[in-house]
Structure formats: structure tokens, C-alpha cells
Amino acid sequence: MKNGFITPPDHINFEAKKLFDSVGEVIDGFVAYLNLNGGGPVEKHTHPHNHLFIVTKGEAKVLLGDEEIVIKKDEAFLVNGEIPHSVWNNIDEETVMIGISVK
């Protein structure tokens, strides 16, 4: 079984991993394909809503204030929109991620 995954009761050949709990009201959601050296915005930005990023392939690096947070495949991270941030591909191949904006 993959790291952090479980098979729920009464399921067969099924693996699941909880990515997040309640994070607020969903505003919208996007799928993003980050190619080699891709990401943005070039200058970190802020806004009143947060981002829930879920990586489904590859690895993303979030520049958040003075920190760098790496989100690996099958992981999620909630970005506080009021902290200057940007997100970048962190590997030498395509990264695919879901971005959900939340209040």
C-alpha cells in the first residue's frame, strides 16, 4: 500500500488518502499543468482568499513569504492568501495540480 493510503472497510483493490479537512467555502477550482520551470506569478502576490493546492503528478514548490514549501504527489497544502506567494514546478518534468480557492 502507498504511504499514507488506507483501504476503507468493505472496499476491494481501493486505496484512499485523506488530503484535507474543512477549509472553508469553495470559491472555484482549477487544474494546472506546470511545465519545466513553469509557475507564477513571477512576483509573489496576495489576495483575501486562500488556495488549497493538491498535487496529482510531480512536485510543486510554493514560495510563501520567506518560506519554501514543497508539495509532493498525493499531498495537499493550504496557502494563506494574505501572505505573498507564488507556485512553481519543482521537478524536471510536468507537474499537475488542482487549485481550489476558498474563503
PDB file of N, CA and C in Angstrom:
ATOM      1  N   MET A   1       0.846  -1.178   0.000  1.00  0.00           N
ATOM      2  CA  MET A   1       0.000   0.000   0.000  1.00  0.00           C
ATOM      3  C   MET A   1       0.896   1.247   0.000  1.00  0.00           C
ATOM      4  N   LYS A   2       0.456   2.261  -0.722  1.00  0.00           N
ATOM      5  CA  LYS A   2       1.202   3.515  -0.802  1.00  0.00           C
ATOM      6  C   LYS A   2       1.222   4.223   0.547  1.00  0.00           C
ATOM      7  N   ASN A   3       2.245   5.034   0.775  1.00  0.00           N
ATOM      8  CA  ASN A   3       2.430   5.756   2.029  1.00  0.00           C
ATOM      9  C   ASN A   3       1.234   6.664   2.341  1.00  0.00           C
ATOM     10  N   GLY A   4       0.637   6.440   3.502  1.00  0.00           N
ATOM     11  CA  GLY A   4      -0.477   7.273   3.938  1.00  0.00           C
ATOM     12  C   GLY A   4      -1.831   6.859   3.405  1.00  0.00           C
ATOM     13  N   PHE A   5      -1.894   5.833   2.574  1.00  0.00           N
ATOM     14  CA  PHE A   5      -3.148   5.379   1.993  1.00  0.00           C
ATOM     15  C   PHE A   5      -3.739   4.253   2.834  1.00  0.00           C
ATOM     16  N   ILE A   6      -5.060   4.142   2.810  1.00  0.00           N
ATOM     17  CA  ILE A   6      -5.763   3.063   3.503  1.00  0.00           C
ATOM     18  C   ILE A   6      -6.774   2.435   2.543  1.00  0.00           C
ATOM     19  N   THR A   7      -7.234   1.259   2.894  1.00  0.00           N
ATOM     20  CA  THR A   7      -8.373   0.651   2.207  1.00  0.00           C
ATOM     21  C   THR A   7      -9.556   0.750   3.161  1.00  0.00           C
ATOM     22  N   PRO A   8     -10.570   1.526   2.792  1.00  0.00           N
ATOM     23  CA  PRO A   8     -11.731   1.676   3.687  1.00  0.00           C
ATOM     24  C   PRO A   8     -12.459   0.340   3.868  1.00  0.00           C
ATOM     25  N   PRO A   9     -13.201   0.212   4.960  1.00  0.00           N
ATOM     26  CA  PRO A   9     -13.974  -1.009   5.183  1.00  0.00           C
ATOM     27  C   PRO A   9     -14.885  -1.312   3.985  1.00  0.00           C
ATOM     28  N   ASP A  10     -15.018  -2.587   3.667  1.00  0.00           N
ATOM     29  CA  ASP A  10     -15.901  -3.080   2.608  1.00  0.00           C
ATOM     30  C   ASP A  10     -15.477  -2.624   1.209  1.00  0.00           C
ATOM     31  N   HIS A  11     -14.209  -2.254   1.005  1.00  0.00           N
ATOM     32  CA  HIS A  11     -13.675  -1.892  -0.306  1.00  0.00           C
ATOM     33  C   HIS A  11     -12.638  -2.938  -0.717  1.00  0.00           C
ATOM     34  N   ILE A  12     -12.500  -3.148  -2.022  1.00  0.00           N
ATOM     35  CA  ILE A  12     -11.547  -4.111  -2.559  1.00  0.00           C
ATOM     36  C   ILE A  12     -10.715  -3.422  -3.628  1.00  0.00           C
ATOM     37  N   ASN A  13      -9.389  -3.640  -3.610  1.00  0.00           N
ATOM     38  CA  ASN A  13      -8.486  -3.020  -4.594  1.00  0.00           C
ATOM     39  C   ASN A  13      -8.722  -1.514  -4.682  1.00  0.00           C
ATOM     40  N   PHE A  14      -8.801  -0.891  -3.524  1.00  0.00           N
ATOM     41  CA  PHE A  14      -9.151   0.522  -3.412  1.00  0.00           C
ATOM     42  C   PHE A  14      -8.243   1.133  -2.357  1.00  0.00           C
ATOM     43  N   GLU A  15      -7.518   2.174  -2.736  1.00  0.00           N
ATOM     44  CA  GLU A  15      -6.642   2.861  -1.792  1.00  0.00           C
ATOM     45  C   GLU A  15      -7.020   4.330  -1.758  1.00  0.00           C
ATOM     46  N   ALA A  16      -7.135   4.912  -0.569  1.00  0.00           N
ATOM     47  CA  ALA A  16      -7.534   6.304  -0.414  1.00  0.00           C
ATOM     48  C   ALA A  16      -6.642   6.989   0.619  1.00  0.00           C
ATOM     49  N   LYS A  17      -6.440   8.283   0.419  1.00  0.00           N
ATOM     50  CA  LYS A  17      -5.653   9.093   1.349  1.00  0.00           C
ATOM     51  C   LYS A  17      -6.393  10.402   1.575  1.00  0.00           C
ATOM     52  N   LYS A  18      -6.675  10.721   2.829  1.00  0.00           N
ATOM     53  CA  LYS A  18      -7.337  11.986   3.157  1.00  0.00           C
ATOM     54  C   LYS A  18      -6.351  13.117   2.922  1.00  0.00           C
ATOM     55  N   LEU A  19      -6.767  14.111   2.144  1.00  0.00           N
ATOM     56  CA  LEU A  19      -5.891  15.233   1.813  1.00  0.00           C
ATOM     57  C   LEU A  19      -6.150  16.456   2.668  1.00  0.00           C
ATOM     58  N   PHE A  20      -7.386  16.662   3.110  1.00  0.00           N
ATOM     59  CA  PHE A  20      -7.693  17.838   3.914  1.00  0.00           C
ATOM     60  C   PHE A  20      -9.029  17.670   4.609  1.00  0.00           C
ATOM     61  N   ASP A  21      -9.212  18.475   5.656  1.00  0.00           N
ATOM     62  CA  ASP A  21     -10.494  18.582   6.350  1.00  0.00           C
ATOM     63  C   ASP A  21     -11.193  19.828   5.832  1.00  0.00           C
ATOM     64  N   SER A  22     -12.176  20.299   6.543  1.00  0.00           N
ATOM     65  CA  SER A  22     -12.884  21.506   6.160  1.00  0.00           C
ATOM     66  C   SER A  22     -11.901  22.675   6.070  1.00  0.00           C
ATOM     67  N   VAL A  23     -11.933  23.391   4.949  1.00  0.00           N
ATOM     68  CA  VAL A  23     -11.017  24.512   4.740  1.00  0.00           C
ATOM     69  C   VAL A  23     -11.763  25.807   4.456  1.00  0.00           C
ATOM     70  N   GLY A  24     -13.063  25.785   4.458  1.00  0.00           N
ATOM     71  CA  GLY A  24     -13.843  26.983   4.186  1.00  0.00           C
ATOM     72  C   GLY A  24     -14.751  26.805   2.989  1.00  0.00           C
ATOM     73  N   GLU A  25     -15.328  27.910   2.565  1.00  0.00           N
ATOM     74  CA  GLU A  25     -16.249  27.912   1.440  1.00  0.00           C
ATOM     75  C   GLU A  25     -15.481  27.892   0.122  1.00  0.00           C
ATOM     76  N   VAL A  26     -15.818  26.976  -0.758  1.00  0.00           N
ATOM     77  CA  VAL A  26     -15.145  26.877  -2.063  1.00  0.00           C
ATOM     78  C   VAL A  26     -15.628  28.008  -2.968  1.00  0.00           C
ATOM     79  N   ILE A  27     -14.670  28.735  -3.542  1.00  0.00           N
ATOM     80  CA  ILE A  27     -14.978  29.808  -4.491  1.00  0.00           C
ATOM     81  C   ILE A  27     -14.923  29.265  -5.911  1.00  0.00           C
ATOM     82  N   ASP A  28     -13.821  28.586  -6.236  1.00  0.00           N
ATOM     83  CA  ASP A  28     -13.654  27.982  -7.557  1.00  0.00           C
ATOM     84  C   ASP A  28     -12.516  26.975  -7.502  1.00  0.00           C
ATOM     85  N   GLY A  29     -12.330  26.252  -8.592  1.00  0.00           N
ATOM     86  CA  GLY A  29     -11.259  25.262  -8.655  1.00  0.00           C
ATOM     87  C   GLY A  29     -10.728  25.134 -10.066  1.00  0.00           C
ATOM     88  N   PHE A  30      -9.433  24.863 -10.170  1.00  0.00           N
ATOM     89  CA  PHE A  30      -8.759  24.752 -11.462  1.00  0.00           C
ATOM     90  C   PHE A  30      -7.820  23.561 -11.460  1.00  0.00           C
ATOM     91  N   VAL A  31      -7.537  23.033 -12.637  1.00  0.00           N
ATOM     92  CA  VAL A  31      -6.438  22.089 -12.808  1.00  0.00           C
ATOM     93  C   VAL A  31      -5.338  22.859 -13.539  1.00  0.00           C
ATOM     94  N   ALA A  32      -4.092  22.657 -13.126  1.00  0.00           N
ATOM     95  CA  ALA A  32      -2.969  23.379 -13.727  1.00  0.00           C
ATOM     96  C   ALA A  32      -1.878  22.403 -14.134  1.00  0.00           C
ATOM     97  N   TYR A  33      -1.306  22.637 -15.310  1.00  0.00           N
ATOM     98  CA  TYR A  33      -0.175  21.870 -15.815  1.00  0.00           C
ATOM     99  C   TYR A  33       1.032  22.793 -15.789  1.00  0.00           C
ATOM    100  N   LEU A  34       1.991  22.499 -14.933  1.00  0.00           N
ATOM    101  CA  LEU A  34       3.194  23.310 -14.800  1.00  0.00           C
ATOM    102  C   LEU A  34       4.327  22.597 -15.523  1.00  0.00           C
ATOM    103  N   ASN A  35       4.764  23.158 -16.635  1.00  0.00           N
ATOM    104  CA  ASN A  35       5.841  22.564 -17.406  1.00  0.00           C
ATOM    105  C   ASN A  35       7.186  22.917 -16.793  1.00  0.00           C
ATOM    106  N   LEU A  36       8.264  22.443 -17.384  1.00  0.00           N
ATOM    107  CA  LEU A  36       9.619  22.684 -16.895  1.00  0.00           C
ATOM    108  C   LEU A  36       9.815  24.172 -16.635  1.00  0.00           C
ATOM    109  N   ASN A  37      10.236  24.527 -15.429  1.00  0.00           N
ATOM    110  CA  ASN A  37      10.460  25.910 -14.992  1.00  0.00           C
ATOM    111  C   ASN A  37       9.188  26.751 -14.978  1.00  0.00           C
ATOM    112  N   GLY A  38       8.019  26.118 -15.033  1.00  0.00           N
ATOM    113  CA  GLY A  38       6.758  26.852 -15.072  1.00  0.00           C
ATOM    114  C   GLY A  38       6.240  27.196 -13.694  1.00  0.00           C
ATOM    115  N   GLY A  39       5.423  28.237 -13.652  1.00  0.00           N
ATOM    116  CA  GLY A  39       4.788  28.645 -12.406  1.00  0.00           C
ATOM    117  C   GLY A  39       4.463  30.114 -12.429  1.00  0.00           C
ATOM    118  N   GLY A  40       4.175  30.651 -11.250  1.00  0.00           N
ATOM    119  CA  GLY A  40       3.913  32.070 -11.166  1.00  0.00           C
ATOM    120  C   GLY A  40       2.999  32.417 -10.009  1.00  0.00           C
ATOM    121  N   PRO A  41       2.675  33.684  -9.915  1.00  0.00           N
ATOM    122  CA  PRO A  41       3.191  34.737 -10.772  1.00  0.00           C
ATOM    123  C   PRO A  41       4.674  35.010 -10.486  1.00  0.00           C
ATOM    124  N   VAL A  42       5.320  35.693 -11.425  1.00  0.00           N
ATOM    125  CA  VAL A  42       6.754  35.968 -11.306  1.00  0.00           C
ATOM    126  C   VAL A  42       7.036  36.738 -10.017  1.00  0.00           C
ATOM    127  N   GLU A  43       6.228  37.743  -9.732  1.00  0.00           N
ATOM    128  CA  GLU A  43       6.304  38.468  -8.457  1.00  0.00           C
ATOM    129  C   GLU A  43       5.233  37.884  -7.538  1.00  0.00           C
ATOM    130  N   LYS A  44       5.604  37.500  -6.323  1.00  0.00           N
ATOM    131  CA  LYS A  44       4.619  36.964  -5.382  1.00  0.00           C
ATOM    132  C   LYS A  44       3.464  37.959  -5.205  1.00  0.00           C
ATOM    133  N   HIS A  45       2.275  37.438  -4.981  1.00  0.00           N
ATOM    134  CA  HIS A  45       1.091  38.281  -4.847  1.00  0.00           C
ATOM    135  C   HIS A  45       0.293  37.879  -3.611  1.00  0.00           C
ATOM    136  N   THR A  46      -0.686  38.724  -3.270  1.00  0.00           N
ATOM    137  CA  THR A  46      -1.592  38.437  -2.158  1.00  0.00           C
ATOM    138  C   THR A  46      -3.026  38.683  -2.611  1.00  0.00           C
ATOM    139  N   HIS A  47      -3.975  38.155  -1.850  1.00  0.00           N
ATOM    140  CA  HIS A  47      -5.399  38.376  -2.078  1.00  0.00           C
ATOM    141  C   HIS A  47      -6.151  37.901  -0.843  1.00  0.00           C
ATOM    142  N   PRO A  48      -7.426  38.247  -0.704  1.00  0.00           N
ATOM    143  CA  PRO A  48      -8.160  37.910   0.527  1.00  0.00           C
ATOM    144  C   PRO A  48      -8.536  36.433   0.669  1.00  0.00           C
ATOM    145  N   HIS A  49      -8.520  35.655  -0.405  1.00  0.00           N
ATOM    146  CA  HIS A  49      -8.894  34.237  -0.299  1.00  0.00           C
ATOM    147  C   HIS A  49      -7.646  33.355  -0.209  1.00  0.00           C
ATOM    148  N   ASN A  50      -7.845  32.115   0.221  1.00  0.00           N
ATOM    149  CA  ASN A  50      -6.758  31.138   0.336  1.00  0.00           C
ATOM    150  C   ASN A  50      -6.786  30.193  -0.860  1.00  0.00           C
ATOM    151  N   HIS A  51      -5.694  29.457  -1.045  1.00  0.00           N
ATOM    152  CA  HIS A  51      -5.612  28.430  -2.086  1.00  0.00           C
ATOM    153  C   HIS A  51      -5.347  27.082  -1.421  1.00  0.00           C
ATOM    154  N   LEU A  52      -6.112  26.085  -1.792  1.00  0.00           N
ATOM    155  CA  LEU A  52      -5.809  24.712  -1.428  1.00  0.00           C
ATOM    156  C   LEU A  52      -5.197  24.080  -2.667  1.00  0.00           C
ATOM    157  N   PHE A  53      -3.912  23.753  -2.610  1.00  0.00           N
ATOM    158  CA  PHE A  53      -3.215  23.134  -3.740  1.00  0.00           C
ATOM    159  C   PHE A  53      -3.085  21.637  -3.479  1.00  0.00           C
ATOM    160  N   ILE A  54      -3.435  20.828  -4.480  1.00  0.00           N
ATOM    161  CA  ILE A  54      -3.323  19.376  -4.417  1.00  0.00           C
ATOM    162  C   ILE A  54      -2.505  18.931  -5.618  1.00  0.00           C
ATOM    163  N   VAL A  55      -1.374  18.280  -5.389  1.00  0.00           N
ATOM    164  CA  VAL A  55      -0.522  17.815  -6.485  1.00  0.00           C
ATOM    165  C   VAL A  55      -0.923  16.385  -6.835  1.00  0.00           C
ATOM    166  N   THR A  56      -1.249  16.164  -8.115  1.00  0.00           N
ATOM    167  CA  THR A  56      -1.635  14.827  -8.578  1.00  0.00           C
ATOM    168  C   THR A  56      -0.530  14.150  -9.379  1.00  0.00           C
ATOM    169  N   LYS A  57       0.450  14.936  -9.818  1.00  0.00           N
ATOM    170  CA  LYS A  57       1.596  14.398 -10.563  1.00  0.00           C
ATOM    171  C   LYS A  57       2.760  15.361 -10.381  1.00  0.00           C
ATOM    172  N   GLY A  58       3.938  14.839 -10.108  1.00  0.00           N
ATOM    173  CA  GLY A  58       5.111  15.682  -9.988  1.00  0.00           C
ATOM    174  C   GLY A  58       5.283  16.255  -8.604  1.00  0.00           C
ATOM    175  N   GLU A  59       5.748  17.522  -8.568  1.00  0.00           N
ATOM    176  CA  GLU A  59       6.082  18.169  -7.301  1.00  0.00           C
ATOM    177  C   GLU A  59       6.045  19.677  -7.496  1.00  0.00           C
ATOM    178  N   ALA A  60       5.361  20.383  -6.607  1.00  0.00           N
ATOM    179  CA  ALA A  60       5.252  21.839  -6.699  1.00  0.00           C
ATOM    180  C   ALA A  60       5.961  22.487  -5.511  1.00  0.00           C
ATOM    181  N   LYS A  61       6.522  23.664  -5.760  1.00  0.00           N
ATOM    182  CA  LYS A  61       7.176  24.440  -4.706  1.00  0.00           C
ATOM    183  C   LYS A  61       6.402  25.734  -4.538  1.00  0.00           C
ATOM    184  N   VAL A  62       5.926  25.994  -3.328  1.00  0.00           N
ATOM    185  CA  VAL A  62       5.216  27.227  -3.016  1.00  0.00           C
ATOM    186  C   VAL A  62       6.197  28.163  -2.319  1.00  0.00           C
ATOM    187  N   LEU A  63       6.378  29.353  -2.886  1.00  0.00           N
ATOM    188  CA  LEU A  63       7.137  30.404  -2.224  1.00  0.00           C
ATOM    189  C   LEU A  63       6.124  31.189  -1.420  1.00  0.00           C
ATOM    190  N   LEU A  64       6.230  31.120  -0.104  1.00  0.00           N
ATOM    191  CA  LEU A  64       5.239  31.688   0.804  1.00  0.00           C
ATOM    192  C   LEU A  64       5.955  32.563   1.821  1.00  0.00           C
ATOM    193  N   GLY A  65       5.903  33.879   1.602  1.00  0.00           N
ATOM    194  CA  GLY A  65       6.684  34.777   2.438  1.00  0.00           C
ATOM    195  C   GLY A  65       8.160  34.453   2.253  1.00  0.00           C
ATOM    196  N   ASP A  66       8.858  34.154   3.344  1.00  0.00           N
ATOM    197  CA  ASP A  66      10.275  33.777   3.284  1.00  0.00           C
ATOM    198  C   ASP A  66      10.473  32.272   3.260  1.00  0.00           C
ATOM    199  N   GLU A  67       9.394  31.516   3.195  1.00  0.00           N
ATOM    200  CA  GLU A  67       9.471  30.049   3.228  1.00  0.00           C
ATOM    201  C   GLU A  67       9.336  29.444   1.838  1.00  0.00           C
ATOM    202  N   GLU A  68       9.833  28.217   1.698  1.00  0.00           N
ATOM    203  CA  GLU A  68       9.588  27.380   0.516  1.00  0.00           C
ATOM    204  C   GLU A  68       8.949  26.091   1.013  1.00  0.00           C
ATOM    205  N   ILE A  69       7.772  25.787   0.509  1.00  0.00           N
ATOM    206  CA  ILE A  69       7.063  24.567   0.875  1.00  0.00           C
ATOM    207  C   ILE A  69       6.963  23.692  -0.356  1.00  0.00           C
ATOM    208  N   VAL A  70       7.390  22.454  -0.260  1.00  0.00           N
ATOM    209  CA  VAL A  70       7.301  21.516  -1.373  1.00  0.00           C
ATOM    210  C   VAL A  70       6.090  20.618  -1.155  1.00  0.00           C
ATOM    211  N   ILE A  71       5.239  20.543  -2.180  1.00  0.00           N
ATOM    212  CA  ILE A  71       4.062  19.674  -2.159  1.00  0.00           C
ATOM    213  C   ILE A  71       4.331  18.545  -3.134  1.00  0.00           C
ATOM    214  N   LYS A  72       4.375  17.329  -2.631  1.00  0.00           N
ATOM    215  CA  LYS A  72       4.649  16.161  -3.468  1.00  0.00           C
ATOM    216  C   LYS A  72       3.348  15.542  -3.964  1.00  0.00           C
ATOM    217  N   LYS A  73       3.482  14.624  -4.908  1.00  0.00           N
ATOM    218  CA  LYS A  73       2.326  13.904  -5.454  1.00  0.00           C
ATOM    219  C   LYS A  73       1.503  13.325  -4.307  1.00  0.00           C
ATOM    220  N   ASP A  74       0.199  13.453  -4.426  1.00  0.00           N
ATOM    221  CA  ASP A  74      -0.761  12.946  -3.438  1.00  0.00           C
ATOM    222  C   ASP A  74      -0.669  13.680  -2.110  1.00  0.00           C
ATOM    223  N   GLU A  75      -0.229  14.951  -2.144  1.00  0.00           N
ATOM    224  CA  GLU A  75      -0.219  15.789  -0.954  1.00  0.00           C
ATOM    225  C   GLU A  75      -0.990  17.073  -1.238  1.00  0.00           C
ATOM    226  N   ALA A  76      -1.401  17.737  -0.169  1.00  0.00           N
ATOM    227  CA  ALA A  76      -2.133  19.000  -0.275  1.00  0.00           C
ATOM    228  C   ALA A  76      -1.519  20.016   0.674  1.00  0.00           C
ATOM    229  N   PHE A  77      -1.701  21.300   0.340  1.00  0.00           N
ATOM    230  CA  PHE A  77      -1.221  22.381   1.206  1.00  0.00           C
ATOM    231  C   PHE A  77      -2.158  23.564   1.052  1.00  0.00           C
ATOM    232  N   LEU A  78      -2.539  24.172   2.180  1.00  0.00           N
ATOM    233  CA  LEU A  78      -3.407  25.344   2.177  1.00  0.00           C
ATOM    234  C   LEU A  78      -2.539  26.592   2.288  1.00  0.00           C
ATOM    235  N   VAL A  79      -2.595  27.444   1.260  1.00  0.00           N
ATOM    236  CA  VAL A  79      -1.820  28.682   1.207  1.00  0.00           C
ATOM    237  C   VAL A  79      -2.673  29.829   1.738  1.00  0.00           C
ATOM    238  N   ASN A  80      -2.162  30.539   2.715  1.00  0.00           N
ATOM    239  CA  ASN A  80      -2.828  31.735   3.233  1.00  0.00           C
ATOM    240  C   ASN A  80      -2.654  32.834   2.194  1.00  0.00           C
ATOM    241  N   GLY A  81      -3.738  33.271   1.582  1.00  0.00           N
ATOM    242  CA  GLY A  81      -3.687  34.252   0.501  1.00  0.00           C
ATOM    243  C   GLY A  81      -3.166  35.615   0.914  1.00  0.00           C
ATOM    244  N   GLU A  82      -3.155  35.915   2.213  1.00  0.00           N
ATOM    245  CA  GLU A  82      -2.683  37.213   2.683  1.00  0.00           C
ATOM    246  C   GLU A  82      -1.160  37.264   2.835  1.00  0.00           C
ATOM    247  N   ILE A  83      -0.481  36.118   2.686  1.00  0.00           N
ATOM    248  CA  ILE A  83       0.984  36.062   2.705  1.00  0.00           C
ATOM    249  C   ILE A  83       1.449  36.062   1.250  1.00  0.00           C
ATOM    250  N   PRO A  84       2.411  36.913   0.872  1.00  0.00           N
ATOM    251  CA  PRO A  84       2.890  36.925  -0.515  1.00  0.00           C
ATOM    252  C   PRO A  84       3.319  35.521  -0.951  1.00  0.00           C
ATOM    253  N   HIS A  85       2.816  35.096  -2.126  1.00  0.00           N
ATOM    254  CA  HIS A  85       3.083  33.728  -2.566  1.00  0.00           C
ATOM    255  C   HIS A  85       3.107  33.601  -4.085  1.00  0.00           C
ATOM    256  N   SER A  86       3.730  32.512  -4.520  1.00  0.00           N
ATOM    257  CA  SER A  86       3.687  32.051  -5.906  1.00  0.00           C
ATOM    258  C   SER A  86       3.940  30.550  -5.876  1.00  0.00           C
ATOM    259  N   VAL A  87       3.657  29.871  -6.974  1.00  0.00           N
ATOM    260  CA  VAL A  87       3.834  28.414  -7.023  1.00  0.00           C
ATOM    261  C   VAL A  87       4.585  28.039  -8.292  1.00  0.00           C
ATOM    262  N   TRP A  88       5.506  27.065  -8.163  1.00  0.00           N
ATOM    263  CA  TRP A  88       6.415  26.694  -9.251  1.00  0.00           C
ATOM    264  C   TRP A  88       6.579  25.188  -9.348  1.00  0.00           C
ATOM    265  N   ASN A  89       6.814  24.711 -10.562  1.00  0.00           N
ATOM    266  CA  ASN A  89       7.171  23.314 -10.763  1.00  0.00           C
ATOM    267  C   ASN A  89       8.511  23.081 -10.078  1.00  0.00           C
ATOM    268  N   ASN A  90       8.649  21.984  -9.352  1.00  0.00           N
ATOM    269  CA  ASN A  90       9.863  21.712  -8.589  1.00  0.00           C
ATOM    270  C   ASN A  90      10.646  20.525  -9.126  1.00  0.00           C
ATOM    271  N   ILE A  91      10.271  20.013 -10.309  1.00  0.00           N
ATOM    272  CA  ILE A  91      10.977  18.872 -10.896  1.00  0.00           C
ATOM    273  C   ILE A  91      11.253  19.138 -12.375  1.00  0.00           C
ATOM    274  N   ASP A  92      11.988  18.223 -13.005  1.00  0.00           N
ATOM    275  CA  ASP A  92      12.383  18.388 -14.409  1.00  0.00           C
ATOM    276  C   ASP A  92      11.398  17.768 -15.392  1.00  0.00           C
ATOM    277  N   GLU A  93      10.168  17.597 -14.977  1.00  0.00           N
ATOM    278  CA  GLU A  93       9.106  17.134 -15.862  1.00  0.00           C
ATOM    279  C   GLU A  93       7.816  17.808 -15.436  1.00  0.00           C
ATOM    280  N   GLU A  94       6.748  17.569 -16.154  1.00  0.00           N
ATOM    281  CA  GLU A  94       5.478  18.231 -15.883  1.00  0.00           C
ATOM    282  C   GLU A  94       4.947  17.911 -14.484  1.00  0.00           C
ATOM    283  N   THR A  95       4.394  18.934 -13.848  1.00  0.00           N
ATOM    284  CA  THR A  95       3.664  18.774 -12.586  1.00  0.00           C
ATOM    285  C   THR A  95       2.198  19.137 -12.858  1.00  0.00           C
ATOM    286  N   VAL A  96       1.296  18.350 -12.290  1.00  0.00           N
ATOM    287  CA  VAL A  96      -0.137  18.614 -12.435  1.00  0.00           C
ATOM    288  C   VAL A  96      -0.690  18.832 -11.039  1.00  0.00           C
ATOM    289  N   MET A  97      -1.458  19.909 -10.893  1.00  0.00           N
ATOM    290  CA  MET A  97      -2.033  20.200  -9.597  1.00  0.00           C
ATOM    291  C   MET A  97      -3.435  20.762  -9.717  1.00  0.00           C
ATOM    292  N   ILE A  98      -4.198  20.596  -8.658  1.00  0.00           N
ATOM    293  CA  ILE A  98      -5.532  21.173  -8.533  1.00  0.00           C
ATOM    294  C   ILE A  98      -5.400  22.369  -7.600  1.00  0.00           C
ATOM    295  N   GLY A  99      -5.989  23.489  -7.980  1.00  0.00           N
ATOM    296  CA  GLY A  99      -6.011  24.670  -7.134  1.00  0.00           C
ATOM    297  C   GLY A  99      -7.452  25.021  -6.814  1.00  0.00           C
ATOM    298  N   ILE A 100      -7.779  25.038  -5.529  1.00  0.00           N
ATOM    299  CA  ILE A 100      -9.129  25.360  -5.084  1.00  0.00           C
ATOM    300  C   ILE A 100      -9.051  26.649  -4.277  1.00  0.00           C
ATOM    301  N   SER A 101      -9.778  27.677  -4.695  1.00  0.00           N
ATOM    302  CA  SER A 101      -9.823  28.932  -3.954  1.00  0.00           C
ATOM    303  C   SER A 101     -10.913  28.835  -2.893  1.00  0.00           C
ATOM    304  N   VAL A 102     -10.571  29.204  -1.656  1.00  0.00           N
ATOM    305  CA  VAL A 102     -11.512  29.100  -0.549  1.00  0.00           C
ATOM    306  C   VAL A 102     -11.535  30.369   0.288  1.00  0.00           C
ATOM    307  N   LYS A 103     -12.714  30.667   0.859  1.00  0.00           N
ATOM    308  CA  LYS A 103     -12.844  31.800   1.777  1.00  0.00           C
ATOM    309  C   LYS A 103     -12.492  31.343   3.171  1.00  0.00           C
TER     310      LYS A 103
END
